[in-house]
């Protein structure tokens, strides 16, 4: 039986986590660390699978956080003499 490794995440990163999990930046750093470990090719199969699953979860989390941030972006538009906040609208793709 192979002993499970403790998380390679330093305590400072864990402290930066929010109630919903790590911040975007922390999640991205964790994802990069996982990719580095997988690319080294030195993990046993079960450890590699666990790392891959954690990477997929972090990728989905980062994508969700980016989508949420995009929805919150507002574009300032000048109307006459004042600036007005408008919701972000993604440009339509040409077909």
PDB file of N, CA and C in Angstrom:
ATOM      1  N   UNK A   1       0.838  -1.178   0.000  1.00  0.00           N
ATOM      2  CA  UNK A   1       0.000   0.000   0.000  1.00  0.00           C
ATOM      3  C   UNK A   1       0.887   1.248   0.000  1.00  0.00           C
ATOM      4  N   UNK A   2       0.567   2.185  -0.836  1.00  0.00           N
ATOM      5  CA  UNK A   2       1.347   3.413  -0.957  1.00  0.00           C
ATOM      6  C   UNK A   2       0.800   4.456   0.005  1.00  0.00           C
ATOM      7  N   UNK A   3       1.680   5.070   0.780  1.00  0.00           N
ATOM      8  CA  UNK A   3       1.250   6.113   1.715  1.00  0.00           C
ATOM      9  C   UNK A   3       0.837   7.358   0.954  1.00  0.00           C
ATOM     10  N   UNK A   4      -0.229   7.980   1.381  1.00  0.00           N
ATOM     11  CA  UNK A   4      -0.699   9.209   0.745  1.00  0.00           C
ATOM     12  C   UNK A   4       0.207  10.357   1.126  1.00  0.00           C
ATOM     13  N   UNK A   5       0.503  11.192   0.173  1.00  0.00           N
ATOM     14  CA  UNK A   5       1.301  12.381   0.422  1.00  0.00           C
ATOM     15  C   UNK A   5       0.441  13.462   1.020  1.00  0.00           C
ATOM     16  N   UNK A   6       1.054  14.261   1.870  1.00  0.00           N
ATOM     17  CA  UNK A   6       0.362  15.449   2.357  1.00  0.00           C
ATOM     18  C   UNK A   6       0.346  16.451   1.225  1.00  0.00           C
ATOM     19  N   UNK A   7      -0.567  17.361   1.270  1.00  0.00           N
ATOM     20  CA  UNK A   7      -0.678  18.388   0.250  1.00  0.00           C
ATOM     21  C   UNK A   7       0.605  19.195   0.166  1.00  0.00           C
ATOM     22  N   UNK A   8       1.025  19.510  -1.061  1.00  0.00           N
ATOM     23  CA  UNK A   8       2.202  20.351  -1.264  1.00  0.00           C
ATOM     24  C   UNK A   8       1.870  21.820  -1.100  1.00  0.00           C
ATOM     25  N   UNK A   9       0.639  22.123  -0.756  1.00  0.00           N
ATOM     26  CA  UNK A   9       0.200  23.510  -0.622  1.00  0.00           C
ATOM     27  C   UNK A   9       0.731  24.092   0.682  1.00  0.00           C
ATOM     28  N   UNK A  10       1.519  25.178   0.573  1.00  0.00           N
ATOM     29  CA  UNK A  10       2.015  25.804   1.799  1.00  0.00           C
ATOM     30  C   UNK A  10       0.870  26.364   2.620  1.00  0.00           C
ATOM     31  N   UNK A  11       1.030  26.470   3.953  1.00  0.00           N
ATOM     32  CA  UNK A  11      -0.033  26.979   4.822  1.00  0.00           C
ATOM     33  C   UNK A  11      -0.479  28.387   4.446  1.00  0.00           C
ATOM     34  N   UNK A  12       0.416  29.211   3.903  1.00  0.00           N
ATOM     35  CA  UNK A  12       0.034  30.581   3.559  1.00  0.00           C
ATOM     36  C   UNK A  12      -1.019  30.589   2.468  1.00  0.00           C
ATOM     37  N   UNK A  13      -0.956  29.622   1.549  1.00  0.00           N
ATOM     38  CA  UNK A  13      -1.970  29.562   0.498  1.00  0.00           C
ATOM     39  C   UNK A  13      -3.312  29.139   1.073  1.00  0.00           C
ATOM     40  N   UNK A  14      -3.301  28.220   2.015  1.00  0.00           N
ATOM     41  CA  UNK A  14      -4.543  27.772   2.627  1.00  0.00           C
ATOM     42  C   UNK A  14      -5.199  28.931   3.372  1.00  0.00           C
ATOM     43  N   UNK A  15      -4.390  29.762   4.002  1.00  0.00           N
ATOM     44  CA  UNK A  15      -4.919  30.902   4.740  1.00  0.00           C
ATOM     45  C   UNK A  15      -5.574  31.911   3.803  1.00  0.00           C
ATOM     46  N   UNK A  16      -5.139  31.940   2.542  1.00  0.00           N
ATOM     47  CA  UNK A  16      -5.690  32.888   1.584  1.00  0.00           C
ATOM     48  C   UNK A  16      -7.023  32.408   1.005  1.00  0.00           C
ATOM     49  N   UNK A  17      -7.454  31.218   1.378  1.00  0.00           N
ATOM     50  CA  UNK A  17      -8.687  30.660   0.833  1.00  0.00           C
ATOM     51  C   UNK A  17      -9.902  31.403   1.373  1.00  0.00           C
ATOM     52  N   UNK A  18     -10.920  31.438   0.554  1.00  0.00           N
ATOM     53  CA  UNK A  18     -12.181  32.035   0.963  1.00  0.00           C
ATOM     54  C   UNK A  18     -13.090  30.932   1.463  1.00  0.00           C
ATOM     55  N   UNK A  19     -14.286  31.290   1.904  1.00  0.00           N
ATOM     56  CA  UNK A  19     -15.245  30.293   2.375  1.00  0.00           C
ATOM     57  C   UNK A  19     -15.608  29.314   1.256  1.00  0.00           C
ATOM     58  N   UNK A  20     -15.538  29.779  -0.010  1.00  0.00           N
ATOM     59  CA  UNK A  20     -15.878  28.936  -1.155  1.00  0.00           C
ATOM     60  C   UNK A  20     -14.677  28.188  -1.710  1.00  0.00           C
ATOM     61  N   UNK A  21     -13.510  28.358  -1.113  1.00  0.00           N
ATOM     62  CA  UNK A  21     -12.307  27.710  -1.604  1.00  0.00           C
ATOM     63  C   UNK A  21     -11.228  28.737  -1.875  1.00  0.00           C
ATOM     64  N   UNK A  22     -10.177  28.303  -2.556  1.00  0.00           N
ATOM     65  CA  UNK A  22      -9.051  29.203  -2.781  1.00  0.00           C
ATOM     66  C   UNK A  22      -9.410  30.352  -3.728  1.00  0.00           C
ATOM     67  N   UNK A  23      -8.661  31.440  -3.582  1.00  0.00           N
ATOM     68  CA  UNK A  23      -8.840  32.554  -4.508  1.00  0.00           C
ATOM     69  C   UNK A  23      -8.422  32.097  -5.905  1.00  0.00           C
ATOM     70  N   UNK A  24      -8.749  32.872  -6.911  1.00  0.00           N
ATOM     71  CA  UNK A  24      -8.384  32.529  -8.282  1.00  0.00           C
ATOM     72  C   UNK A  24      -6.875  32.368  -8.400  1.00  0.00           C
ATOM     73  N   UNK A  25      -6.141  33.318  -7.839  1.00  0.00           N
ATOM     74  CA  UNK A  25      -4.688  33.300  -7.949  1.00  0.00           C
ATOM     75  C   UNK A  25      -4.094  32.071  -7.266  1.00  0.00           C
ATOM     76  N   UNK A  26      -4.611  31.733  -6.084  1.00  0.00           N
ATOM     77  CA  UNK A  26      -4.137  30.559  -5.359  1.00  0.00           C
ATOM     78  C   UNK A  26      -4.484  29.289  -6.118  1.00  0.00           C
ATOM     79  N   UNK A  27      -5.701  29.213  -6.640  1.00  0.00           N
ATOM     80  CA  UNK A  27      -6.118  28.040  -7.409  1.00  0.00           C
ATOM     81  C   UNK A  27      -5.242  27.869  -8.642  1.00  0.00           C
ATOM     82  N   UNK A  28      -4.901  28.969  -9.299  1.00  0.00           N
ATOM     83  CA  UNK A  28      -4.058  28.906 -10.488  1.00  0.00           C
ATOM     84  C   UNK A  28      -2.648  28.440 -10.125  1.00  0.00           C
ATOM     85  N   UNK A  29      -2.115  28.931  -9.006  1.00  0.00           N
ATOM     86  CA  UNK A  29      -0.794  28.482  -8.544  1.00  0.00           C
ATOM     87  C   UNK A  29      -0.816  26.994  -8.226  1.00  0.00           C
ATOM     88  N   UNK A  30      -1.882  26.537  -7.577  1.00  0.00           N
ATOM     89  CA  UNK A  30      -2.004  25.115  -7.250  1.00  0.00           C
ATOM     90  C   UNK A  30      -2.086  24.285  -8.526  1.00  0.00           C
ATOM     91  N   UNK A  31      -2.825  24.770  -9.508  1.00  0.00           N
ATOM     92  CA  UNK A  31      -2.947  24.071 -10.781  1.00  0.00           C
ATOM     93  C   UNK A  31      -1.594  23.974 -11.482  1.00  0.00           C
ATOM     94  N   UNK A  32      -0.846  25.071 -11.473  1.00  0.00           N
ATOM     95  CA  UNK A  32       0.486  25.064 -12.087  1.00  0.00           C
ATOM     96  C   UNK A  32       1.406  24.065 -11.388  1.00  0.00           C
ATOM     97  N   UNK A  33       1.313  23.986 -10.054  1.00  0.00           N
ATOM     98  CA  UNK A  33       2.136  23.030  -9.300  1.00  0.00           C
ATOM     99  C   UNK A  33       1.766  21.600  -9.674  1.00  0.00           C
ATOM    100  N   UNK A  34       0.479  21.329  -9.837  1.00  0.00           N
ATOM    101  CA  UNK A  34       0.026  19.994 -10.219  1.00  0.00           C
ATOM    102  C   UNK A  34       0.544  19.638 -11.605  1.00  0.00           C
ATOM    103  N   UNK A  35       0.438  20.573 -12.532  1.00  0.00           N
ATOM    104  CA  UNK A  35       0.922  20.326 -13.895  1.00  0.00           C
ATOM    105  C   UNK A  35       2.416  20.018 -13.869  1.00  0.00           C
ATOM    106  N   UNK A  36       3.191  20.793 -13.095  1.00  0.00           N
ATOM    107  CA  UNK A  36       4.624  20.548 -12.989  1.00  0.00           C
ATOM    108  C   UNK A  36       4.905  19.139 -12.475  1.00  0.00           C
ATOM    109  N   UNK A  37       4.174  18.740 -11.421  1.00  0.00           N
ATOM    110  CA  UNK A  37       4.375  17.398 -10.855  1.00  0.00           C
ATOM    111  C   UNK A  37       4.027  16.316 -11.868  1.00  0.00           C
ATOM    112  N   UNK A  38       2.934  16.512 -12.610  1.00  0.00           N
ATOM    113  CA  UNK A  38       2.542  15.516 -13.607  1.00  0.00           C
ATOM    114  C   UNK A  38       3.543  15.454 -14.756  1.00  0.00           C
ATOM    115  N   UNK A  39       4.053  16.609 -15.161  1.00  0.00           N
ATOM    116  CA  UNK A  39       5.013  16.639 -16.265  1.00  0.00           C
ATOM    117  C   UNK A  39       6.333  15.968 -15.903  1.00  0.00           C
ATOM    118  N   UNK A  40       6.683  15.958 -14.626  1.00  0.00           N
ATOM    119  CA  UNK A  40       7.917  15.296 -14.200  1.00  0.00           C
ATOM    120  C   UNK A  40       7.831  13.793 -14.405  1.00  0.00           C
ATOM    121  N   UNK A  41       6.610  13.257 -14.403  1.00  0.00           N
ATOM    122  CA  UNK A  41       6.404  11.843 -14.679  1.00  0.00           C
ATOM    123  C   UNK A  41       6.900  10.906 -13.594  1.00  0.00           C
ATOM    124  N   UNK A  42       7.071  11.407 -12.388  1.00  0.00           N
ATOM    125  CA  UNK A  42       7.604  10.577 -11.316  1.00  0.00           C
ATOM    126  C   UNK A  42       6.541  10.098 -10.325  1.00  0.00           C
ATOM    127  N   UNK A  43       5.299  10.473 -10.523  1.00  0.00           N
ATOM    128  CA  UNK A  43       4.234  10.058  -9.616  1.00  0.00           C
ATOM    129  C   UNK A  43       3.781   8.643  -9.950  1.00  0.00           C
ATOM    130  N   UNK A  44       3.422   7.911  -8.918  1.00  0.00           N
ATOM    131  CA  UNK A  44       2.827   6.598  -9.154  1.00  0.00           C
ATOM    132  C   UNK A  44       1.439   6.813  -9.754  1.00  0.00           C
ATOM    133  N   UNK A  45       0.910   5.798 -10.387  1.00  0.00           N
ATOM    134  CA  UNK A  45      -0.349   5.918 -11.114  1.00  0.00           C
ATOM    135  C   UNK A  45      -1.469   6.507 -10.263  1.00  0.00           C
ATOM    136  N   UNK A  46      -1.706   5.970  -9.075  1.00  0.00           N
ATOM    137  CA  UNK A  46      -2.802   6.468  -8.236  1.00  0.00           C
ATOM    138  C   UNK A  46      -2.585   7.924  -7.830  1.00  0.00           C
ATOM    139  N   UNK A  47      -1.328   8.283  -7.511  1.00  0.00           N
ATOM    140  CA  UNK A  47      -1.020   9.675  -7.165  1.00  0.00           C
ATOM    141  C   UNK A  47      -1.231  10.587  -8.366  1.00  0.00           C
ATOM    142  N   UNK A  48      -0.849  10.104  -9.534  1.00  0.00           N
ATOM    143  CA  UNK A  48      -1.026  10.891 -10.758  1.00  0.00           C
ATOM    144  C   UNK A  48      -2.515  11.092 -11.058  1.00  0.00           C
ATOM    145  N   UNK A  49      -3.312  10.054 -10.847  1.00  0.00           N
ATOM    146  CA  UNK A  49      -4.753  10.171 -11.078  1.00  0.00           C
ATOM    147  C   UNK A  49      -5.394  11.153 -10.105  1.00  0.00           C
ATOM    148  N   UNK A  50      -4.986  11.089  -8.838  1.00  0.00           N
ATOM    149  CA  UNK A  50      -5.510  12.041  -7.849  1.00  0.00           C
ATOM    150  C   UNK A  50      -5.105  13.464  -8.210  1.00  0.00           C
ATOM    151  N   UNK A  51      -3.859  13.637  -8.633  1.00  0.00           N
ATOM    152  CA  UNK A  51      -3.379  14.966  -9.023  1.00  0.00           C
ATOM    153  C   UNK A  51      -4.153  15.469 -10.240  1.00  0.00           C
ATOM    154  N   UNK A  52      -4.387  14.570 -11.207  1.00  0.00           N
ATOM    155  CA  UNK A  52      -5.133  14.953 -12.408  1.00  0.00           C
ATOM    156  C   UNK A  52      -6.556  15.372 -12.049  1.00  0.00           C
ATOM    157  N   UNK A  53      -7.221  14.595 -11.186  1.00  0.00           N
ATOM    158  CA  UNK A  53      -8.577  14.932 -10.757  1.00  0.00           C
ATOM    159  C   UNK A  53      -8.609  16.280 -10.046  1.00  0.00           C
ATOM    160  N   UNK A  54      -7.624  16.522  -9.195  1.00  0.00           N
ATOM    161  CA  UNK A  54      -7.544  17.818  -8.500  1.00  0.00           C
ATOM    162  C   UNK A  54      -7.323  18.936  -9.516  1.00  0.00           C
ATOM    163  N   UNK A  55      -6.514  18.684 -10.531  1.00  0.00           N
ATOM    164  CA  UNK A  55      -6.267  19.675 -11.577  1.00  0.00           C
ATOM    165  C   UNK A  55      -7.526  20.001 -12.366  1.00  0.00           C
ATOM    166  N   UNK A  56      -8.301  18.981 -12.681  1.00  0.00           N
ATOM    167  CA  UNK A  56      -9.561  19.208 -13.394  1.00  0.00           C
ATOM    168  C   UNK A  56     -10.501  20.058 -12.548  1.00  0.00           C
ATOM    169  N   UNK A  57     -10.589  19.746 -11.262  1.00  0.00           N
ATOM    170  CA  UNK A  57     -11.458  20.522 -10.366  1.00  0.00           C
ATOM    171  C   UNK A  57     -10.989  21.973 -10.287  1.00  0.00           C
ATOM    172  N   UNK A  58      -9.682  22.181 -10.186  1.00  0.00           N
ATOM    173  CA  UNK A  58      -9.152  23.551 -10.135  1.00  0.00           C
ATOM    174  C   UNK A  58      -9.391  24.287 -11.445  1.00  0.00           C
ATOM    175  N   UNK A  59      -9.256  23.583 -12.571  1.00  0.00           N
ATOM    176  CA  UNK A  59      -9.508  24.194 -13.878  1.00  0.00           C
ATOM    177  C   UNK A  59     -10.956  24.657 -13.978  1.00  0.00           C
ATOM    178  N   UNK A  60     -11.876  23.817 -13.546  1.00  0.00           N
ATOM    179  CA  UNK A  60     -13.299  24.182 -13.574  1.00  0.00           C
ATOM    180  C   UNK A  60     -13.572  25.360 -12.652  1.00  0.00           C
ATOM    181  N   UNK A  61     -12.941  25.362 -11.478  1.00  0.00           N
ATOM    182  CA  UNK A  61     -13.116  26.463 -10.520  1.00  0.00           C
ATOM    183  C   UNK A  61     -12.619  27.775 -11.119  1.00  0.00           C
ATOM    184  N   UNK A  62     -11.420  27.742 -11.713  1.00  0.00           N
ATOM    185  CA  UNK A  62     -10.862  28.958 -12.321  1.00  0.00           C
ATOM    186  C   UNK A  62     -11.751  29.456 -13.459  1.00  0.00           C
ATOM    187  N   UNK A  63     -12.236  28.541 -14.282  1.00  0.00           N
ATOM    188  CA  UNK A  63     -13.113  28.932 -15.390  1.00  0.00           C
ATOM    189  C   UNK A  63     -14.394  29.567 -14.862  1.00  0.00           C
ATOM    190  N   UNK A  64     -14.948  28.988 -13.800  1.00  0.00           N
ATOM    191  CA  UNK A  64     -16.171  29.537 -13.201  1.00  0.00           C
ATOM    192  C   UNK A  64     -15.903  30.928 -12.613  1.00  0.00           C
ATOM    193  N   UNK A  65     -14.757  31.096 -11.958  1.00  0.00           N
ATOM    194  CA  UNK A  65     -14.414  32.397 -11.391  1.00  0.00           C
ATOM    195  C   UNK A  65     -14.211  33.441 -12.482  1.00  0.00           C
ATOM    196  N   UNK A  66     -13.607  33.057 -13.600  1.00  0.00           N
ATOM    197  CA  UNK A  66     -13.430  33.997 -14.708  1.00  0.00           C
ATOM    198  C   UNK A  66     -14.767  34.395 -15.321  1.00  0.00           C
ATOM    199  N   UNK A  67     -15.661  33.429 -15.450  1.00  0.00           N
ATOM    200  CA  UNK A  67     -16.991  33.720 -15.985  1.00  0.00           C
ATOM    201  C   UNK A  67     -17.742  34.680 -15.062  1.00  0.00           C
ATOM    202  N   UNK A  68     -17.657  34.420 -13.756  1.00  0.00           N
ATOM    203  CA  UNK A  68     -18.311  35.303 -12.789  1.00  0.00           C
ATOM    204  C   UNK A  68     -17.725  36.709 -12.855  1.00  0.00           C
ATOM    205  N   UNK A  69     -16.413  36.806 -12.969  1.00  0.00           N
ATOM    206  CA  UNK A  69     -15.763  38.119 -13.040  1.00  0.00           C
ATOM    207  C   UNK A  69     -16.184  38.857 -14.304  1.00  0.00           C
ATOM    208  N   UNK A  70     -16.280  38.132 -15.405  1.00  0.00           N
ATOM    209  CA  UNK A  70     -16.694  38.750 -16.665  1.00  0.00           C
ATOM    210  C   UNK A  70     -18.096  39.338 -16.559  1.00  0.00           C
ATOM    211  N   UNK A  71     -18.965  38.636 -15.864  1.00  0.00           N
ATOM    212  CA  UNK A  71     -20.341  39.119 -15.684  1.00  0.00           C
ATOM    213  C   UNK A  71     -20.383  40.395 -14.854  1.00  0.00           C
ATOM    214  N   UNK A  72     -19.407  40.562 -13.961  1.00  0.00           N
ATOM    215  CA  UNK A  72     -19.397  41.726 -13.085  1.00  0.00           C
ATOM    216  C   UNK A  72     -18.764  42.959 -13.732  1.00  0.00           C
ATOM    217  N   UNK A  73     -18.072  42.735 -14.819  1.00  0.00           N
ATOM    218  CA  UNK A  73     -17.392  43.865 -15.462  1.00  0.00           C
ATOM    219  C   UNK A  73     -18.429  44.822 -16.047  1.00  0.00           C
ATOM    220  N   UNK A  74     -18.199  46.053 -15.792  1.00  0.00           N
ATOM    221  CA  UNK A  74     -19.044  47.066 -16.409  1.00  0.00           C
ATOM    222  C   UNK A  74     -18.166  47.966 -17.260  1.00  0.00           C
ATOM    223  N   UNK A  75     -18.703  48.403 -18.356  1.00  0.00           N
ATOM    224  CA  UNK A  75     -17.984  49.283 -19.253  1.00  0.00           C
ATOM    225  C   UNK A  75     -18.557  50.686 -19.095  1.00  0.00           C
ATOM    226  N   UNK A  76     -17.672  51.621 -18.883  1.00  0.00           N
ATOM    227  CA  UNK A  76     -18.131  53.008 -18.780  1.00  0.00           C
ATOM    228  C   UNK A  76     -18.327  53.578 -20.178  1.00  0.00           C
ATOM    229  N   UNK A  77     -19.468  54.163 -20.373  1.00  0.00           N
ATOM    230  CA  UNK A  77     -19.816  54.744 -21.662  1.00  0.00           C
ATOM    231  C   UNK A  77     -20.160  56.209 -21.431  1.00  0.00           C
ATOM    232  N   UNK A  78     -19.617  57.067 -22.242  1.00  0.00           N
ATOM    233  CA  UNK A  78     -19.907  58.483 -22.099  1.00  0.00           C
ATOM    234  C   UNK A  78     -21.196  58.810 -22.849  1.00  0.00           C
ATOM    235  N   UNK A  79     -22.150  59.370 -22.125  1.00  0.00           N
ATOM    236  CA  UNK A  79     -23.403  59.806 -22.713  1.00  0.00           C
ATOM    237  C   UNK A  79     -23.541  61.289 -22.415  1.00  0.00           C
ATOM    238  N   UNK A  80     -23.326  62.094 -23.428  1.00  0.00           N
ATOM    239  CA  UNK A  80     -23.396  63.540 -23.226  1.00  0.00           C
ATOM    240  C   UNK A  80     -22.259  64.003 -22.337  1.00  0.00           C
ATOM    241  N   UNK A  81     -22.588  64.618 -21.219  1.00  0.00           N
ATOM    242  CA  UNK A  81     -21.598  65.174 -20.303  1.00  0.00           C
ATOM    243  C   UNK A  81     -21.211  64.227 -19.164  1.00  0.00           C
ATOM    244  N   UNK A  82     -21.858  63.068 -19.062  1.00  0.00           N
ATOM    245  CA  UNK A  82     -21.580  62.191 -17.928  1.00  0.00           C
ATOM    246  C   UNK A  82     -21.190  60.785 -18.379  1.00  0.00           C
ATOM    247  N   UNK A  83     -20.626  60.042 -17.422  1.00  0.00           N
ATOM    248  CA  UNK A  83     -20.272  58.648 -17.658  1.00  0.00           C
ATOM    249  C   UNK A  83     -21.374  57.765 -17.083  1.00  0.00           C
ATOM    250  N   UNK A  84     -21.761  56.742 -17.809  1.00  0.00           N
ATOM    251  CA  UNK A  84     -22.826  55.833 -17.384  1.00  0.00           C
ATOM    252  C   UNK A  84     -22.265  54.407 -17.394  1.00  0.00           C
ATOM    253  N   UNK A  85     -22.552  53.665 -16.343  1.00  0.00           N
ATOM    254  CA  UNK A  85     -22.116  52.265 -16.273  1.00  0.00           C
ATOM    255  C   UNK A  85     -23.079  51.396 -17.059  1.00  0.00           C
ATOM    256  N   UNK A  86     -22.523  50.566 -17.910  1.00  0.00           N
ATOM    257  CA  UNK A  86     -23.320  49.617 -18.700  1.00  0.00           C
ATOM    258  C   UNK A  86     -22.790  48.212 -18.440  1.00  0.00           C
ATOM    259  N   UNK A  87     -23.663  47.225 -18.398  1.00  0.00           N
ATOM    260  CA  UNK A  87     -23.189  45.847 -18.225  1.00  0.00           C
ATOM    261  C   UNK A  87     -22.271  45.445 -19.374  1.00  0.00           C
ATOM    262  N   UNK A  88     -21.286  44.616 -19.056  1.00  0.00           N
ATOM    263  CA  UNK A  88     -20.375  44.115 -20.075  1.00  0.00           C
ATOM    264  C   UNK A  88     -21.150  43.279 -21.069  1.00  0.00           C
ATOM    265  N   UNK A  89     -20.925  43.538 -22.349  1.00  0.00           N
ATOM    266  CA  UNK A  89     -21.547  42.719 -23.399  1.00  0.00           C
ATOM    267  C   UNK A  89     -20.449  42.192 -24.274  1.00  0.00           C
ATOM    268  N   UNK A  90     -20.389  40.877 -24.357  1.00  0.00           N
ATOM    269  CA  UNK A  90     -19.373  40.231 -25.172  1.00  0.00           C
ATOM    270  C   UNK A  90     -19.687  40.523 -26.638  1.00  0.00           C
ATOM    271  N   UNK A  91     -18.655  40.898 -27.429  1.00  0.00           N
ATOM    272  CA  UNK A  91     -18.912  41.157 -28.841  1.00  0.00           C
ATOM    273  C   UNK A  91     -19.385  39.891 -29.550  1.00  0.00           C
ATOM    274  N   UNK A  92     -20.313  40.071 -30.471  1.00  0.00           N
ATOM    275  CA  UNK A  92     -20.832  38.925 -31.211  1.00  0.00           C
ATOM    276  C   UNK A  92     -19.778  38.488 -32.223  1.00  0.00           C
ATOM    277  N   UNK A  93     -19.631  37.171 -32.340  1.00  0.00           N
ATOM    278  CA  UNK A  93     -18.652  36.623 -33.278  1.00  0.00           C
ATOM    279  C   UNK A  93     -19.238  36.621 -34.679  1.00  0.00           C
ATOM    280  N   UNK A  94     -18.393  36.994 -35.631  1.00  0.00           N
ATOM    281  CA  UNK A  94     -18.820  36.983 -37.032  1.00  0.00           C
ATOM    282  C   UNK A  94     -18.870  35.540 -37.522  1.00  0.00           C
ATOM    283  N   UNK A  95     -19.887  35.224 -38.274  1.00  0.00           N
ATOM    284  CA  UNK A  95     -20.029  33.841 -38.776  1.00  0.00           C
ATOM    285  C   UNK A  95     -19.435  33.711 -40.127  1.00  0.00           C
TER     286      UNK A  95
END
